């Protein structure tokens, strides 16, 4: 009986010493949330168009500082068409958040001039990006908003036209300034040639 007691006490003492000497490790909880569950574009989008979608709020719901990213994801078994990932641009693409902090991510979609009309669906996903020991990124939990939109029927000519209109609306008045400079340069060159021609005739 005493032998068993001594062995038990010895085990407890060794365990206490190891626990005391071991470094104390605190495991934080990494979490993410999005401020909206659904983004529905009511009006049909046009091929070739460039559109600004509603911003996606990404929230750090965990209790530690973490780096986050945004991406387009899909699920199997949906009837809608999948939009291509390269159509989307997120600003910022990646960012860091303290616990409880929110980042509004701007979402822009650029549609090709030639595209299949119909109903489209995808997930706009926010996720924490964890660095592994090797330095590679690994994605853990995620939260996503459902994105629904429709592409109106059109031909390639209409797609090119709507791309031009979208670029004009987005970069105006810089495009007007550039066109004005080009026009002045061409006009100056033309007038210069005419002036030299008249001088030569004299």
N, C-alpha and C. Protein backbone atom coordinates (compact mmCIF):
# COMPACT_ATOMS: atom_id res chain seq x y z
N UNK A 1 0.83 -1.21 0.00
CA UNK A 1 0.00 0.00 0.00
C UNK A 1 0.86 1.25 0.00
N UNK A 2 1.86 1.26 0.88
CA UNK A 2 2.77 2.42 0.95
C UNK A 2 3.56 2.56 -0.33
N UNK A 3 3.90 1.38 -0.94
CA UNK A 3 4.66 1.43 -2.19
C UNK A 3 3.84 2.07 -3.29
N UNK A 4 2.55 1.69 -3.37
CA UNK A 4 1.68 2.29 -4.38
C UNK A 4 1.50 3.78 -4.14
N UNK A 5 1.40 4.17 -2.87
CA UNK A 5 1.24 5.58 -2.53
C UNK A 5 2.46 6.37 -2.92
N UNK A 6 3.65 5.79 -2.65
CA UNK A 6 4.88 6.49 -3.00
C UNK A 6 5.01 6.65 -4.51
N UNK A 7 4.64 5.59 -5.24
CA UNK A 7 4.68 5.69 -6.70
C UNK A 7 3.72 6.76 -7.21
N UNK A 8 2.54 6.84 -6.59
CA UNK A 8 1.58 7.86 -7.00
C UNK A 8 2.07 9.25 -6.69
N UNK A 9 2.67 9.42 -5.51
CA UNK A 9 3.21 10.74 -5.15
C UNK A 9 4.36 11.13 -6.07
N UNK A 10 5.21 10.14 -6.40
CA UNK A 10 6.34 10.41 -7.28
C UNK A 10 5.86 10.84 -8.66
N UNK A 11 4.84 10.17 -9.16
CA UNK A 11 4.28 10.52 -10.47
C UNK A 11 3.72 11.94 -10.45
N UNK A 12 3.02 12.28 -9.36
CA UNK A 12 2.44 13.62 -9.24
C UNK A 12 3.52 14.69 -9.21
N UNK A 13 4.62 14.42 -8.46
CA UNK A 13 5.71 15.38 -8.35
C UNK A 13 6.38 15.58 -9.71
N UNK A 14 6.65 14.47 -10.42
CA UNK A 14 7.28 14.57 -11.75
C UNK A 14 6.38 15.34 -12.71
N UNK A 15 5.08 15.04 -12.67
CA UNK A 15 4.13 15.72 -13.55
C UNK A 15 4.09 17.22 -13.26
N UNK A 16 4.12 17.58 -11.96
CA UNK A 16 4.09 18.99 -11.57
C UNK A 16 5.35 19.71 -12.04
N UNK A 17 6.50 19.04 -11.94
CA UNK A 17 7.76 19.65 -12.37
C UNK A 17 7.76 19.88 -13.88
N UNK A 18 7.31 18.88 -14.63
CA UNK A 18 7.25 19.02 -16.09
C UNK A 18 6.28 20.12 -16.50
N UNK A 19 5.16 20.20 -15.80
CA UNK A 19 4.18 21.24 -16.10
C UNK A 19 4.75 22.61 -15.81
N UNK A 20 5.53 22.72 -14.73
CA UNK A 20 6.13 24.00 -14.36
C UNK A 20 7.20 24.42 -15.36
N UNK A 21 7.99 23.44 -15.81
CA UNK A 21 9.08 23.76 -16.73
C UNK A 21 8.61 23.97 -18.16
N UNK A 22 7.47 23.43 -18.52
CA UNK A 22 6.98 23.57 -19.90
C UNK A 22 6.51 24.99 -20.14
N UNK A 23 6.71 25.51 -21.38
CA UNK A 23 6.23 26.86 -21.69
C UNK A 23 4.71 26.89 -21.70
N UNK A 24 4.17 27.98 -21.24
CA UNK A 24 2.73 28.16 -21.21
C UNK A 24 2.26 28.58 -22.60
N UNK A 25 1.32 27.85 -23.19
CA UNK A 25 0.84 28.12 -24.54
C UNK A 25 -0.64 28.48 -24.47
N UNK A 26 -0.99 29.62 -25.06
CA UNK A 26 -2.39 30.05 -25.10
C UNK A 26 -2.88 29.91 -26.53
N UNK A 27 -3.94 29.17 -26.72
CA UNK A 27 -4.48 28.96 -28.05
C UNK A 27 -5.61 29.94 -28.28
N UNK A 28 -5.43 30.84 -29.29
CA UNK A 28 -6.45 31.81 -29.63
C UNK A 28 -7.44 31.22 -30.63
N UNK A 29 -8.59 31.81 -30.69
CA UNK A 29 -9.62 31.35 -31.62
C UNK A 29 -9.67 32.28 -32.83
N UNK A 30 -9.52 31.72 -34.02
CA UNK A 30 -9.58 32.49 -35.26
C UNK A 30 -10.98 32.35 -35.84
N UNK A 31 -11.61 33.47 -36.17
CA UNK A 31 -12.97 33.43 -36.72
C UNK A 31 -13.16 34.48 -37.79
N UNK A 32 -14.21 34.32 -38.58
CA UNK A 32 -14.51 35.27 -39.64
C UNK A 32 -16.02 35.32 -39.86
N UNK A 33 -16.49 36.49 -40.24
CA UNK A 33 -17.90 36.66 -40.58
C UNK A 33 -18.03 37.66 -41.71
N UNK A 34 -19.14 37.62 -42.41
CA UNK A 34 -19.42 38.61 -43.44
C UNK A 34 -20.70 39.35 -43.06
N UNK A 35 -20.76 40.63 -43.43
CA UNK A 35 -21.86 41.47 -43.00
C UNK A 35 -23.15 41.28 -43.76
N UNK A 36 -23.15 40.47 -44.80
CA UNK A 36 -24.36 40.21 -45.57
C UNK A 36 -24.37 38.76 -46.02
N UNK A 37 -25.54 38.16 -46.05
CA UNK A 37 -25.64 36.77 -46.47
C UNK A 37 -25.97 36.60 -47.93
N UNK A 38 -26.44 37.69 -48.58
CA UNK A 38 -26.89 37.57 -49.97
C UNK A 38 -26.69 38.89 -50.70
N UNK A 39 -26.16 38.82 -51.91
CA UNK A 39 -26.05 39.97 -52.81
C UNK A 39 -26.83 39.64 -54.07
N UNK A 40 -27.93 40.33 -54.28
CA UNK A 40 -28.80 40.09 -55.44
C UNK A 40 -28.74 41.31 -56.35
N UNK A 41 -28.25 41.12 -57.58
CA UNK A 41 -28.23 42.19 -58.57
C UNK A 41 -29.56 42.13 -59.31
N UNK A 42 -30.39 43.15 -59.14
CA UNK A 42 -31.75 43.12 -59.66
C UNK A 42 -31.81 43.27 -61.18
N UNK A 43 -31.06 44.23 -61.73
CA UNK A 43 -31.12 44.48 -63.17
C UNK A 43 -30.16 43.55 -63.91
N UNK A 44 -30.56 43.05 -65.09
CA UNK A 44 -29.66 42.20 -65.87
C UNK A 44 -28.39 42.96 -66.27
N UNK A 45 -27.26 42.29 -66.18
CA UNK A 45 -25.98 42.88 -66.57
C UNK A 45 -25.74 42.64 -68.06
N UNK A 46 -24.98 43.55 -68.66
CA UNK A 46 -24.72 43.48 -70.10
C UNK A 46 -23.32 42.96 -70.36
N UNK A 47 -23.18 42.15 -71.40
CA UNK A 47 -21.87 41.63 -71.79
C UNK A 47 -20.93 42.79 -72.09
N UNK A 48 -19.67 42.67 -71.64
CA UNK A 48 -18.69 43.72 -71.85
C UNK A 48 -18.71 44.81 -70.80
N UNK A 49 -19.72 44.81 -69.94
CA UNK A 49 -19.84 45.86 -68.94
C UNK A 49 -18.91 45.66 -67.75
N UNK A 50 -18.61 46.76 -67.08
CA UNK A 50 -17.82 46.75 -65.85
C UNK A 50 -18.71 47.29 -64.74
N UNK A 51 -18.93 46.51 -63.71
CA UNK A 51 -19.90 46.87 -62.68
C UNK A 51 -19.26 46.82 -61.28
N UNK A 52 -19.67 47.78 -60.46
CA UNK A 52 -19.28 47.80 -59.05
C UNK A 52 -20.41 47.17 -58.24
N UNK A 53 -20.13 46.05 -57.62
CA UNK A 53 -21.12 45.36 -56.79
C UNK A 53 -21.11 45.94 -55.38
N UNK A 54 -22.14 45.66 -54.58
CA UNK A 54 -22.12 46.12 -53.18
C UNK A 54 -20.89 45.61 -52.45
N UNK A 55 -20.33 46.46 -51.59
CA UNK A 55 -19.12 46.09 -50.84
C UNK A 55 -19.41 44.92 -49.91
N UNK A 56 -18.38 44.09 -49.70
CA UNK A 56 -18.50 42.92 -48.83
C UNK A 56 -17.83 43.21 -47.50
N UNK A 57 -18.59 43.35 -46.39
CA UNK A 57 -17.97 43.56 -45.08
C UNK A 57 -17.41 42.24 -44.52
N UNK A 58 -16.13 42.22 -44.21
CA UNK A 58 -15.49 41.04 -43.62
C UNK A 58 -15.11 41.38 -42.18
N UNK A 59 -15.52 40.54 -41.23
CA UNK A 59 -15.36 40.81 -39.80
C UNK A 59 -14.49 39.74 -39.14
N UNK A 60 -13.58 40.18 -38.30
CA UNK A 60 -12.79 39.26 -37.47
C UNK A 60 -13.62 38.91 -36.24
N UNK A 61 -14.21 37.72 -36.23
CA UNK A 61 -15.03 37.28 -35.10
C UNK A 61 -14.24 36.49 -34.08
N UNK A 62 -12.94 36.34 -34.30
CA UNK A 62 -12.09 35.61 -33.37
C UNK A 62 -11.59 36.50 -32.24
N UNK A 63 -10.63 35.99 -31.50
CA UNK A 63 -10.08 36.75 -30.38
C UNK A 63 -8.59 37.01 -30.54
N UNK A 64 -8.10 36.95 -31.79
CA UNK A 64 -6.70 37.28 -32.04
C UNK A 64 -6.54 37.94 -33.41
N UNK A 65 -5.47 38.70 -33.52
CA UNK A 65 -5.13 39.37 -34.78
C UNK A 65 -4.88 38.33 -35.86
N UNK A 66 -5.42 38.57 -37.08
CA UNK A 66 -5.26 37.59 -38.15
C UNK A 66 -5.29 38.26 -39.51
N UNK A 67 -4.72 37.58 -40.50
CA UNK A 67 -4.73 38.05 -41.88
C UNK A 67 -5.88 37.36 -42.62
N UNK A 68 -6.54 38.13 -43.50
CA UNK A 68 -7.72 37.62 -44.19
C UNK A 68 -7.59 37.82 -45.70
N UNK A 69 -8.36 37.02 -46.44
CA UNK A 69 -8.42 37.14 -47.89
C UNK A 69 -9.85 36.96 -48.36
N UNK A 70 -10.10 37.35 -49.61
CA UNK A 70 -11.42 37.24 -50.22
C UNK A 70 -11.28 36.51 -51.55
N UNK A 71 -12.24 35.65 -51.87
CA UNK A 71 -12.17 34.89 -53.11
C UNK A 71 -13.58 34.53 -53.58
N UNK A 72 -13.65 34.03 -54.81
CA UNK A 72 -14.90 33.52 -55.38
C UNK A 72 -14.88 32.00 -55.27
N UNK A 73 -15.94 31.42 -54.72
CA UNK A 73 -16.00 29.97 -54.54
C UNK A 73 -17.31 29.43 -55.10
N UNK A 74 -17.35 28.11 -55.30
CA UNK A 74 -18.52 27.45 -55.87
C UNK A 74 -18.91 26.24 -55.03
N UNK A 75 -20.17 25.84 -55.16
CA UNK A 75 -20.66 24.60 -54.56
C UNK A 75 -21.29 23.75 -55.65
N UNK A 76 -21.19 22.45 -55.49
CA UNK A 76 -21.78 21.54 -56.47
C UNK A 76 -23.30 21.51 -56.32
N UNK A 77 -23.96 21.13 -57.41
CA UNK A 77 -25.40 20.90 -57.35
C UNK A 77 -26.26 22.14 -57.49
N UNK A 78 -25.73 23.23 -58.05
CA UNK A 78 -26.53 24.43 -58.28
C UNK A 78 -26.88 24.51 -59.76
N UNK A 79 -28.06 25.05 -60.05
CA UNK A 79 -28.54 25.10 -61.43
C UNK A 79 -28.00 26.30 -62.20
N UNK A 80 -27.56 27.33 -61.49
CA UNK A 80 -27.09 28.53 -62.16
C UNK A 80 -25.69 28.33 -62.76
N UNK A 81 -25.34 29.24 -63.67
CA UNK A 81 -24.02 29.21 -64.32
C UNK A 81 -22.98 29.76 -63.36
N UNK A 82 -21.78 29.21 -63.41
CA UNK A 82 -20.68 29.69 -62.57
C UNK A 82 -19.94 30.84 -63.25
N UNK A 83 -19.83 32.00 -62.62
CA UNK A 83 -18.99 33.06 -63.18
C UNK A 83 -17.51 32.71 -62.99
N UNK A 84 -16.68 33.16 -63.90
CA UNK A 84 -15.25 32.88 -63.81
C UNK A 84 -14.60 33.74 -62.72
N UNK A 85 -13.62 33.19 -62.03
CA UNK A 85 -12.95 33.92 -60.96
C UNK A 85 -12.23 35.16 -61.48
N UNK A 86 -11.69 35.06 -62.71
CA UNK A 86 -10.91 36.19 -63.24
C UNK A 86 -11.78 37.39 -63.60
N UNK A 87 -13.09 37.25 -63.58
CA UNK A 87 -13.96 38.39 -63.82
C UNK A 87 -13.99 39.34 -62.63
N UNK A 88 -13.61 38.87 -61.46
CA UNK A 88 -13.77 39.64 -60.23
C UNK A 88 -12.47 40.30 -59.80
N UNK A 89 -12.61 41.48 -59.22
CA UNK A 89 -11.48 42.16 -58.59
C UNK A 89 -11.92 42.63 -57.21
N UNK A 90 -11.09 42.32 -56.21
CA UNK A 90 -11.39 42.71 -54.82
C UNK A 90 -10.36 43.73 -54.37
N UNK A 91 -10.83 44.79 -53.72
CA UNK A 91 -9.95 45.82 -53.18
C UNK A 91 -10.33 46.09 -51.72
N UNK A 92 -9.44 45.69 -50.78
CA UNK A 92 -8.18 44.97 -50.97
C UNK A 92 -8.40 43.46 -51.13
N UNK A 93 -7.42 42.80 -51.74
CA UNK A 93 -7.50 41.35 -51.92
C UNK A 93 -7.20 40.61 -50.61
N UNK A 94 -6.25 41.14 -49.85
CA UNK A 94 -5.91 40.57 -48.54
C UNK A 94 -5.66 41.71 -47.56
N UNK A 95 -5.87 41.45 -46.27
CA UNK A 95 -5.78 42.50 -45.26
C UNK A 95 -5.69 41.86 -43.89
N UNK A 96 -5.35 42.64 -42.90
CA UNK A 96 -5.22 42.17 -41.52
C UNK A 96 -6.27 42.86 -40.65
N UNK A 97 -6.81 42.12 -39.68
CA UNK A 97 -7.85 42.64 -38.80
C UNK A 97 -7.57 42.27 -37.35
N UNK A 98 -7.81 43.23 -36.47
CA UNK A 98 -7.82 42.96 -35.03
C UNK A 98 -9.17 42.35 -34.66
N UNK A 99 -9.29 41.72 -33.50
CA UNK A 99 -10.57 41.16 -33.08
C UNK A 99 -11.68 42.21 -33.09
N UNK A 100 -12.80 41.89 -33.73
CA UNK A 100 -13.92 42.80 -33.81
C UNK A 100 -13.84 43.84 -34.91
N UNK A 101 -12.72 43.92 -35.61
CA UNK A 101 -12.54 44.92 -36.66
C UNK A 101 -13.18 44.45 -37.96
N UNK A 102 -13.67 45.42 -38.77
CA UNK A 102 -14.36 45.13 -40.03
C UNK A 102 -13.61 45.79 -41.18
N UNK A 103 -13.53 45.09 -42.30
CA UNK A 103 -12.95 45.63 -43.53
C UNK A 103 -14.00 45.58 -44.63
N UNK A 104 -14.30 46.74 -45.24
CA UNK A 104 -15.20 46.78 -46.38
C UNK A 104 -14.39 46.50 -47.65
N UNK A 105 -14.74 45.44 -48.34
CA UNK A 105 -14.01 45.04 -49.55
C UNK A 105 -14.83 45.45 -50.78
N UNK A 106 -14.24 46.27 -51.64
CA UNK A 106 -14.89 46.66 -52.88
C UNK A 106 -14.85 45.50 -53.87
N UNK A 107 -15.98 45.27 -54.53
CA UNK A 107 -16.08 44.16 -55.48
C UNK A 107 -16.43 44.72 -56.86
N UNK A 108 -15.59 44.43 -57.85
CA UNK A 108 -15.81 44.86 -59.23
C UNK A 108 -15.84 43.63 -60.12
N UNK A 109 -16.82 43.59 -61.01
CA UNK A 109 -16.91 42.48 -61.96
C UNK A 109 -16.81 43.04 -63.38
N UNK A 110 -15.91 42.46 -64.17
CA UNK A 110 -15.71 42.85 -65.57
C UNK A 110 -16.14 41.69 -66.44
N UNK A 111 -17.21 41.89 -67.20
CA UNK A 111 -17.76 40.81 -68.01
C UNK A 111 -17.13 40.80 -69.40
N UNK A 112 -16.86 39.63 -69.96
CA UNK A 112 -16.32 39.55 -71.32
C UNK A 112 -17.33 40.08 -72.34
N UNK A 113 -16.82 40.51 -73.50
CA UNK A 113 -17.71 41.00 -74.56
C UNK A 113 -18.55 39.87 -75.13
N UNK A 114 -18.02 38.65 -75.10
CA UNK A 114 -18.76 37.48 -75.55
C UNK A 114 -18.97 36.57 -74.36
N UNK A 115 -20.24 36.38 -73.96
CA UNK A 115 -20.53 35.65 -72.73
C UNK A 115 -21.88 34.96 -72.86
N UNK A 116 -22.03 33.84 -72.17
CA UNK A 116 -23.28 33.09 -72.19
C UNK A 116 -24.33 33.81 -71.35
N UNK A 117 -25.50 34.12 -71.93
CA UNK A 117 -26.55 34.76 -71.14
C UNK A 117 -27.19 33.75 -70.18
N UNK A 118 -27.82 34.27 -69.14
CA UNK A 118 -28.51 33.40 -68.19
C UNK A 118 -28.29 33.83 -66.76
N UNK A 119 -28.72 32.99 -65.83
CA UNK A 119 -28.60 33.26 -64.39
C UNK A 119 -27.29 32.71 -63.85
N UNK A 120 -26.58 33.52 -63.08
CA UNK A 120 -25.27 33.15 -62.53
C UNK A 120 -25.33 33.14 -61.00
N UNK A 121 -24.48 32.29 -60.42
CA UNK A 121 -24.43 32.19 -58.96
C UNK A 121 -23.02 31.81 -58.51
N UNK A 122 -22.58 32.43 -57.42
CA UNK A 122 -21.29 32.09 -56.81
C UNK A 122 -21.30 32.58 -55.36
N UNK A 123 -20.28 32.17 -54.62
CA UNK A 123 -20.09 32.64 -53.25
C UNK A 123 -18.92 33.63 -53.22
N UNK A 124 -19.14 34.77 -52.58
CA UNK A 124 -18.04 35.70 -52.28
C UNK A 124 -17.60 35.38 -50.86
N UNK A 125 -16.43 34.80 -50.74
CA UNK A 125 -16.00 34.21 -49.47
C UNK A 125 -14.90 35.01 -48.80
N UNK A 126 -15.07 35.26 -47.51
CA UNK A 126 -14.00 35.82 -46.68
C UNK A 126 -13.44 34.73 -45.80
N UNK A 127 -12.12 34.66 -45.68
CA UNK A 127 -11.50 33.58 -44.90
C UNK A 127 -10.20 34.05 -44.27
N UNK A 128 -9.89 33.55 -43.09
CA UNK A 128 -8.58 33.84 -42.48
C UNK A 128 -7.49 33.05 -43.20
N UNK A 129 -6.34 33.66 -43.34
CA UNK A 129 -5.19 33.00 -43.96
C UNK A 129 -4.17 32.73 -42.87
N UNK A 130 -3.90 31.46 -42.63
CA UNK A 130 -2.94 31.07 -41.59
C UNK A 130 -1.63 30.66 -42.23
N UNK A 131 -0.54 31.06 -41.63
CA UNK A 131 0.79 30.69 -42.09
C UNK A 131 1.22 29.40 -41.40
N UNK A 132 1.60 28.41 -42.20
CA UNK A 132 2.09 27.16 -41.63
C UNK A 132 3.57 27.30 -41.28
N UNK A 133 4.13 26.26 -40.68
CA UNK A 133 5.53 26.28 -40.28
C UNK A 133 6.44 26.43 -41.49
N UNK A 134 6.05 25.85 -42.63
CA UNK A 134 6.86 25.93 -43.84
C UNK A 134 6.72 27.26 -44.55
N UNK A 135 5.81 28.12 -44.08
CA UNK A 135 5.62 29.42 -44.70
C UNK A 135 4.50 29.44 -45.71
N UNK A 136 3.92 28.28 -46.02
CA UNK A 136 2.82 28.23 -46.96
C UNK A 136 1.53 28.63 -46.26
N UNK A 137 0.57 29.14 -47.07
CA UNK A 137 -0.70 29.58 -46.50
C UNK A 137 -1.69 28.42 -46.45
N UNK A 138 -2.46 28.39 -45.39
CA UNK A 138 -3.51 27.38 -45.27
C UNK A 138 -4.78 28.08 -44.84
N UNK A 139 -5.89 27.73 -45.47
CA UNK A 139 -7.16 28.38 -45.21
C UNK A 139 -7.98 27.53 -44.25
N UNK A 140 -8.50 28.16 -43.20
CA UNK A 140 -9.29 27.43 -42.22
C UNK A 140 -10.76 27.69 -42.41
N UNK A 141 -11.41 28.25 -41.40
CA UNK A 141 -12.85 28.53 -41.47
C UNK A 141 -13.11 29.64 -42.47
N UNK A 142 -14.37 29.73 -42.91
CA UNK A 142 -14.73 30.74 -43.90
C UNK A 142 -16.19 31.14 -43.71
N UNK A 143 -16.53 32.33 -44.22
CA UNK A 143 -17.90 32.81 -44.26
C UNK A 143 -18.12 33.42 -45.64
N UNK A 144 -19.33 33.28 -46.17
CA UNK A 144 -19.55 33.70 -47.55
C UNK A 144 -20.91 34.34 -47.73
N UNK A 145 -20.99 35.22 -48.73
CA UNK A 145 -22.25 35.81 -49.16
C UNK A 145 -22.63 35.20 -50.51
N UNK A 146 -23.89 34.88 -50.68
CA UNK A 146 -24.38 34.34 -51.94
C UNK A 146 -24.57 35.47 -52.95
N UNK A 147 -24.01 35.30 -54.14
CA UNK A 147 -24.12 36.31 -55.19
C UNK A 147 -24.98 35.78 -56.33
N UNK A 148 -26.04 36.53 -56.67
CA UNK A 148 -26.92 36.19 -57.78
C UNK A 148 -26.93 37.34 -58.78
N UNK A 149 -26.79 37.02 -60.07
CA UNK A 149 -26.97 38.03 -61.10
C UNK A 149 -27.33 37.35 -62.42
N UNK A 150 -27.87 38.15 -63.35
CA UNK A 150 -28.31 37.64 -64.65
C UNK A 150 -27.60 38.40 -65.76
N UNK A 151 -27.17 37.67 -66.79
CA UNK A 151 -26.56 38.27 -67.97
C UNK A 151 -27.62 38.33 -69.08
N UNK A 152 -27.86 39.52 -69.63
CA UNK A 152 -28.83 39.68 -70.70
C UNK A 152 -28.27 39.17 -72.02
N UNK A 153 -29.11 38.65 -72.91
CA UNK A 153 -28.64 38.20 -74.23
C UNK A 153 -28.07 39.37 -75.03
N UNK A 154 -27.00 39.12 -75.76
CA UNK A 154 -26.37 40.15 -76.59
C UNK A 154 -25.43 39.48 -77.57
N UNK A 155 -24.94 40.26 -78.54
CA UNK A 155 -23.95 39.76 -79.49
C UNK A 155 -22.60 40.42 -79.21
N UNK A 156 -21.58 40.02 -79.95
CA UNK A 156 -20.23 40.51 -79.71
C UNK A 156 -20.11 42.01 -79.95
N UNK A 157 -20.86 42.53 -80.93
CA UNK A 157 -20.81 43.97 -81.22
C UNK A 157 -21.35 44.76 -80.04
N UNK A 158 -22.46 44.30 -79.49
CA UNK A 158 -23.03 44.96 -78.31
C UNK A 158 -22.08 44.86 -77.12
N UNK A 159 -21.41 43.71 -76.99
CA UNK A 159 -20.45 43.55 -75.90
C UNK A 159 -19.31 44.54 -75.99
N UNK A 160 -18.78 44.74 -77.19
CA UNK A 160 -17.69 45.71 -77.38
C UNK A 160 -18.20 47.12 -77.09
N UNK A 161 -19.42 47.41 -77.53
CA UNK A 161 -20.00 48.74 -77.28
C UNK A 161 -20.14 49.01 -75.79
N UNK A 162 -20.68 48.04 -75.04
CA UNK A 162 -20.87 48.24 -73.60
C UNK A 162 -19.54 48.30 -72.85
N UNK A 163 -18.51 47.62 -73.37
CA UNK A 163 -17.19 47.75 -72.75
C UNK A 163 -16.67 49.18 -72.92
N UNK A 164 -16.85 49.75 -74.13
CA UNK A 164 -16.42 51.13 -74.37
C UNK A 164 -17.17 52.10 -73.47
N UNK A 165 -18.48 51.91 -73.35
CA UNK A 165 -19.29 52.79 -72.51
C UNK A 165 -18.86 52.68 -71.04
N UNK A 166 -18.59 51.46 -70.59
CA UNK A 166 -18.17 51.26 -69.19
C UNK A 166 -16.83 51.92 -68.92
N UNK A 167 -15.89 51.79 -69.84
CA UNK A 167 -14.58 52.43 -69.68
C UNK A 167 -14.72 53.94 -69.69
N UNK A 168 -15.59 54.46 -70.55
CA UNK A 168 -15.81 55.90 -70.61
C UNK A 168 -16.38 56.42 -69.29
N UNK A 169 -17.40 55.74 -68.78
CA UNK A 169 -18.02 56.17 -67.52
C UNK A 169 -17.04 56.06 -66.35
N UNK A 170 -16.19 55.03 -66.37
CA UNK A 170 -15.30 54.78 -65.24
C UNK A 170 -14.14 55.76 -65.21
N UNK A 171 -13.59 56.11 -66.37
CA UNK A 171 -12.38 56.92 -66.41
C UNK A 171 -12.62 58.36 -66.87
N UNK A 172 -13.86 58.73 -67.11
CA UNK A 172 -14.17 60.12 -67.45
C UNK A 172 -13.87 61.01 -66.23
N UNK A 173 -13.22 62.21 -66.38
CA UNK A 173 -12.92 62.89 -67.65
C UNK A 173 -11.53 62.60 -68.21
N UNK A 174 -10.77 61.66 -67.62
CA UNK A 174 -9.41 61.43 -68.12
C UNK A 174 -9.41 60.98 -69.57
N UNK A 175 -10.41 60.17 -69.96
CA UNK A 175 -10.44 59.74 -71.35
C UNK A 175 -10.69 60.91 -72.29
N UNK A 176 -11.53 61.88 -71.84
CA UNK A 176 -11.80 63.06 -72.64
C UNK A 176 -10.54 63.90 -72.79
N UNK A 177 -9.79 64.03 -71.70
CA UNK A 177 -8.54 64.79 -71.75
C UNK A 177 -7.55 64.15 -72.71
N UNK A 178 -7.43 62.83 -72.65
CA UNK A 178 -6.50 62.12 -73.54
C UNK A 178 -6.92 62.28 -74.99
N UNK A 179 -8.22 62.12 -75.27
CA UNK A 179 -8.71 62.30 -76.64
C UNK A 179 -8.49 63.72 -77.13
N UNK A 180 -8.66 64.70 -76.24
CA UNK A 180 -8.43 66.10 -76.62
C UNK A 180 -6.97 66.33 -76.96
N UNK A 181 -6.07 65.78 -76.15
CA UNK A 181 -4.63 65.92 -76.42
C UNK A 181 -4.27 65.28 -77.76
N UNK A 182 -4.83 64.09 -78.03
CA UNK A 182 -4.56 63.42 -79.30
C UNK A 182 -5.08 64.25 -80.47
N UNK A 183 -6.28 64.80 -80.31
CA UNK A 183 -6.87 65.63 -81.36
C UNK A 183 -6.02 66.87 -81.63
N UNK A 184 -5.57 67.52 -80.56
CA UNK A 184 -4.73 68.72 -80.73
C UNK A 184 -3.42 68.36 -81.42
N UNK A 185 -2.84 67.21 -81.06
CA UNK A 185 -1.57 66.80 -81.68
C UNK A 185 -1.76 66.54 -83.17
N UNK A 186 -2.86 65.84 -83.52
CA UNK A 186 -3.12 65.56 -84.94
C UNK A 186 -3.41 66.85 -85.70
N UNK A 187 -4.22 67.73 -85.09
CA UNK A 187 -4.54 69.00 -85.74
C UNK A 187 -3.30 69.86 -85.93
N UNK A 188 -2.43 69.89 -84.93
CA UNK A 188 -1.20 70.68 -85.03
C UNK A 188 -0.30 70.15 -86.13
N UNK A 189 -0.22 68.84 -86.22
CA UNK A 189 0.62 68.24 -87.27
C UNK A 189 0.05 68.55 -88.65
N UNK A 190 -1.27 68.46 -88.77
CA UNK A 190 -1.92 68.75 -90.05
C UNK A 190 -1.72 70.21 -90.45
N UNK A 191 -1.92 71.12 -89.49
CA UNK A 191 -1.75 72.55 -89.77
C UNK A 191 -0.30 72.86 -90.10
N UNK A 192 0.62 72.19 -89.38
CA UNK A 192 2.04 72.41 -89.65
C UNK A 192 2.42 72.00 -91.06
N UNK A 193 1.89 70.88 -91.54
CA UNK A 193 2.18 70.44 -92.90
C UNK A 193 1.61 71.42 -93.92
N UNK A 194 0.41 71.91 -93.70
CA UNK A 194 -0.21 72.87 -94.61
C UNK A 194 0.58 74.16 -94.66
N UNK A 195 1.06 74.60 -93.50
CA UNK A 195 1.82 75.85 -93.43
C UNK A 195 3.14 75.71 -94.19
N UNK A 196 3.83 74.60 -94.01
CA UNK A 196 5.09 74.37 -94.70
C UNK A 196 4.88 74.28 -96.20
N UNK A 197 3.75 73.69 -96.62
CA UNK A 197 3.46 73.55 -98.04
C UNK A 197 3.27 74.92 -98.67
N UNK A 198 2.55 75.81 -97.99
CA UNK A 198 2.31 77.14 -98.52
C UNK A 198 3.60 77.94 -98.58
N UNK A 199 4.44 77.82 -97.59
CA UNK A 199 5.71 78.54 -97.59
C UNK A 199 6.59 78.06 -98.73
N UNK A 200 6.57 76.74 -98.97
CA UNK A 200 7.39 76.19 -100.05
C UNK A 200 6.94 76.71 -101.40
N UNK A 201 5.62 76.91 -101.60
CA UNK A 201 5.11 77.40 -102.87
C UNK A 201 5.52 78.83 -103.11
N UNK A 202 5.66 79.63 -102.03
CA UNK A 202 6.11 81.00 -102.21
C UNK A 202 7.58 81.04 -102.60
